[in-house]
Structure formats: C-alpha cells, structure tokens
Amino acid sequence: MKCPYCGFLQDRVVDSRESKEADSIRRRRECEKCNRRFTTYERIDEIPYMVVKKDGRRERFDRQKILSGLLRACEKRPVSSTQLEKVVDATETYLMDAPERERTTSEIGELIMQHLKGLDTVAYIRFASVYRDFKDVREFKEELEGLLESHRTGKTKK
C-alpha cells in the first residue's frame, strides 16, 4: 500500500477490524518511512462478470446455465460429470483471467466447443448444432466435414 503522505510503498498493519455490516475490513496502517498512520478499507469486488449475447444484450455469467447446456449435449454419452465440471471451471477461469469483465457468447461458445471436441465428438456436434444455430442440413454437413477432416489430420484426441 502506498503511503498517502510520503508515497513510500512499505507499511505495517497496526489494527484490523471488520465493519459492523461485515462487508468490509478497516485496517489502520503505519508507514515505515514517515511513521504516519492512515486507514484503508477492503471490500469484496462485486462487479459481476458479464456475457454479451448475439443481439447485444448483457447478462451475468451463469455457471449453472453452461453446465445445463453441457448436460443436454452429453446426455447418454460417456462423459462424466467431473469432466463437465472441468469444462465449466475452465470457462469460468477464462472469464476471470480476462482484464475486462465482459466476454461475448461466441468467445465462450468456441472455448466450450474446443473442450467438447476433445471429450466426445457426438456431444460436440450436439452442442455446436444449438450454439451455431444451424439453419439447414448443409450447415450441419459442413460442420461434420470439418470435424472429419480434423480427425484425418490427427488434430483431436478421438
């Protein structure tokens, strides 16, 4: 913490107290250079991670929503719930590691599809058909051909 009086970067905490509402912590600090005391407050970062939808709307990132979509795509497939949790964890980490608090559904969807492609190709196709909103059989066929081509060149695990 930078001293507000002299700008020195080292201090020591003299006293810490939780606020009455328990939503912040008050810390009394003492600068190790000028010995003056100052107060800092720590609060929980409450700005939510947002997802920008295709139509421009924004909504909060919902971990459960992604998990339910994955469960539908992996229904009756040999994909464990632990594997699905890892995909959701990786997606959430991707959001949290970004310097900005917003990600588009296309970024998130592509990330999820890359994970699914390595887990189960049928689940991948199911997810892609909903996510990419195939309009006709031709679009579906193009996706399958791309998947088959990546299999031939050895770019996926299965």
Protein backbone atom coordinates (compact mmCIF):
# COMPACT_ATOMS: atom_id res chain seq x y z
CA MET A 1 0.00 0.00 0.00
CA LYS A 2 1.38 3.42 -0.94
CA CYS A 3 1.59 5.95 1.90
CA PRO A 4 -0.71 8.92 1.12
CA TYR A 5 1.73 11.29 2.85
CA CYS A 6 5.20 10.38 1.55
CA GLY A 7 4.47 7.77 -1.18
CA PHE A 8 6.62 5.06 0.42
CA LEU A 9 5.48 1.56 -0.54
CA GLN A 10 6.01 -0.29 2.73
CA ASP A 11 3.83 -0.13 5.79
CA ARG A 12 2.67 -2.33 8.59
CA VAL A 13 -0.85 -3.08 9.75
CA VAL A 14 -1.41 -1.74 13.25
CA ASP A 15 -5.07 -2.76 13.64
CA SER A 16 -7.71 -4.67 11.61
CA ARG A 17 -11.44 -4.64 12.26
CA GLU A 18 -14.43 -5.96 10.42
CA SER A 19 -17.19 -3.42 9.76
CA LYS A 20 -20.50 -3.77 11.61
CA GLU A 21 -22.21 -4.91 8.41
CA ALA A 22 -19.36 -7.40 7.78
CA ASP A 23 -18.99 -6.12 4.22
CA SER A 24 -15.54 -4.59 4.61
CA ILE A 25 -12.39 -4.68 6.69
CA ARG A 26 -10.90 -1.49 8.14
CA ARG A 27 -7.12 -1.52 8.52
CA ARG A 28 -5.00 1.05 10.34
CA ARG A 29 -1.58 1.19 8.76
CA GLU A 30 1.66 2.89 9.69
CA CYS A 31 4.20 3.97 7.08
CA GLU A 32 7.65 2.51 7.74
CA LYS A 33 9.36 5.67 6.44
CA CYS A 34 7.46 8.66 7.87
CA ASN A 35 5.66 6.74 10.69
CA ARG A 36 2.34 8.45 9.92
CA ARG A 37 -0.83 6.41 10.18
CA PHE A 38 -3.61 6.05 7.64
CA THR A 39 -6.72 3.91 7.20
CA THR A 40 -7.60 1.58 4.33
CA TYR A 41 -10.78 -0.37 3.64
CA GLU A 42 -11.02 -3.71 1.87
CA ARG A 43 -14.27 -4.62 0.18
CA ILE A 44 -15.38 -7.61 -1.86
CA ASP A 45 -15.24 -6.98 -5.59
CA GLU A 46 -18.91 -7.10 -6.52
CA ILE A 47 -18.76 -6.19 -10.19
CA PRO A 48 -20.20 -9.24 -11.96
CA TYR A 49 -18.74 -10.95 -14.99
CA MET A 50 -20.99 -10.27 -17.95
CA VAL A 51 -21.74 -12.18 -21.12
CA VAL A 52 -22.58 -10.18 -24.26
CA LYS A 53 -25.28 -12.02 -26.22
CA LYS A 54 -25.51 -12.11 -30.02
CA ASP A 55 -28.24 -9.45 -30.01
CA GLY A 56 -26.13 -7.11 -27.84
CA ARG A 57 -27.88 -7.78 -24.54
CA ARG A 58 -25.74 -8.30 -21.49
CA GLU A 59 -26.40 -10.76 -18.71
CA ARG A 60 -24.50 -12.08 -15.73
CA PHE A 61 -22.28 -15.09 -16.27
CA ASP A 62 -24.21 -18.10 -15.05
CA ARG A 63 -22.14 -21.17 -14.37
CA GLN A 64 -25.25 -23.32 -13.96
CA LYS A 65 -26.57 -22.29 -17.38
CA ILE A 66 -23.39 -23.54 -19.06
CA LEU A 67 -23.45 -26.76 -17.06
CA SER A 68 -27.08 -27.47 -18.03
CA GLY A 69 -26.25 -26.91 -21.71
CA LEU A 70 -23.34 -29.30 -21.43
CA LEU A 71 -25.51 -31.89 -19.67
CA ARG A 72 -28.01 -31.75 -22.55
CA ALA A 73 -25.23 -32.10 -25.14
CA CYS A 74 -23.68 -35.03 -23.26
CA GLU A 75 -26.91 -36.86 -22.47
CA LYS A 76 -26.45 -40.63 -22.88
CA ARG A 77 -22.78 -40.10 -23.75
CA PRO A 78 -19.74 -41.47 -21.87
CA VAL A 79 -18.78 -38.09 -20.41
CA SER A 80 -18.53 -37.87 -16.62
CA SER A 81 -19.88 -35.03 -14.54
CA THR A 82 -16.32 -34.43 -13.35
CA GLN A 83 -15.23 -33.80 -16.94
CA LEU A 84 -18.14 -31.40 -17.43
CA GLU A 85 -17.25 -29.57 -14.21
CA LYS A 86 -13.71 -29.14 -15.56
CA VAL A 87 -15.07 -27.58 -18.76
CA VAL A 88 -17.22 -25.17 -16.74
CA ASP A 89 -14.27 -24.39 -14.43
CA ALA A 90 -12.05 -23.66 -17.44
CA THR A 91 -14.74 -21.38 -18.88
CA GLU A 92 -15.14 -19.51 -15.61
CA THR A 93 -11.36 -19.16 -15.26
CA TYR A 94 -11.22 -17.78 -18.81
CA LEU A 95 -13.70 -15.07 -17.79
CA MET A 96 -11.96 -14.24 -14.52
CA ASP A 97 -8.48 -14.08 -16.04
CA ALA A 98 -9.53 -11.51 -18.62
CA PRO A 99 -8.71 -7.88 -17.81
CA GLU A 100 -12.19 -6.85 -18.97
CA ARG A 101 -15.32 -8.07 -17.24
CA GLU A 102 -17.24 -8.90 -20.41
CA ARG A 103 -16.92 -11.73 -22.91
CA THR A 104 -19.06 -12.49 -25.93
CA THR A 105 -21.10 -15.64 -26.21
CA SER A 106 -19.12 -16.50 -29.33
CA GLU A 107 -15.82 -16.49 -27.40
CA ILE A 108 -17.31 -18.60 -24.62
CA GLY A 109 -19.06 -20.97 -27.03
CA GLU A 110 -15.91 -21.57 -29.07
CA LEU A 111 -13.94 -22.32 -25.90
CA ILE A 112 -16.56 -24.82 -24.73
CA MET A 113 -16.66 -26.48 -28.15
CA GLN A 114 -12.88 -26.92 -28.15
CA HIS A 115 -13.14 -28.72 -24.83
CA LEU A 116 -16.04 -30.88 -26.03
CA LYS A 117 -14.25 -31.77 -29.26
CA GLY A 118 -11.55 -33.44 -27.15
CA LEU A 119 -14.04 -35.19 -24.87
CA ASP A 120 -16.75 -36.54 -27.16
CA THR A 121 -17.41 -35.74 -30.81
CA VAL A 122 -21.15 -36.52 -30.62
CA ALA A 123 -21.55 -34.13 -27.68
CA TYR A 124 -19.51 -31.59 -29.64
CA ILE A 125 -21.86 -31.83 -32.64
CA ARG A 126 -24.92 -31.60 -30.39
CA PHE A 127 -23.58 -28.50 -28.67
CA ALA A 128 -22.46 -26.94 -31.97
CA SER A 129 -25.88 -27.52 -33.56
CA VAL A 130 -27.55 -25.48 -30.82
CA TYR A 131 -24.77 -22.93 -30.33
CA ARG A 132 -24.19 -22.22 -34.02
CA ASP A 133 -27.94 -22.43 -34.73
CA PHE A 134 -27.65 -24.43 -37.95
CA LYS A 135 -30.29 -23.21 -40.41
CA ASP A 136 -30.23 -26.23 -42.68
CA VAL A 137 -28.68 -29.63 -43.31
CA ARG A 138 -25.89 -28.06 -45.41
CA GLU A 139 -24.50 -26.13 -42.42
CA PHE A 140 -24.69 -29.26 -40.30
CA LYS A 141 -22.90 -31.25 -43.02
CA GLU A 142 -20.12 -28.60 -43.25
CA GLU A 143 -19.51 -28.86 -39.51
CA LEU A 144 -19.33 -32.65 -39.72
CA GLU A 145 -16.93 -32.49 -42.67
CA GLY A 146 -14.68 -30.11 -40.73
CA LEU A 147 -14.71 -32.50 -37.79
CA LEU A 148 -13.91 -35.49 -40.02
CA GLU A 149 -11.06 -33.56 -41.64
CA SER A 150 -9.56 -32.73 -38.25
CA HIS A 151 -9.76 -36.44 -37.36
CA ARG A 152 -7.90 -37.38 -40.52
CA THR A 153 -5.13 -34.88 -39.82
CA GLY A 154 -4.93 -36.00 -36.18
CA LYS A 155 -5.86 -32.70 -34.51
CA THR A 156 -8.24 -34.21 -31.96
CA LYS A 157 -7.96 -36.92 -29.33
CA LYS A 158 -10.94 -39.02 -30.50
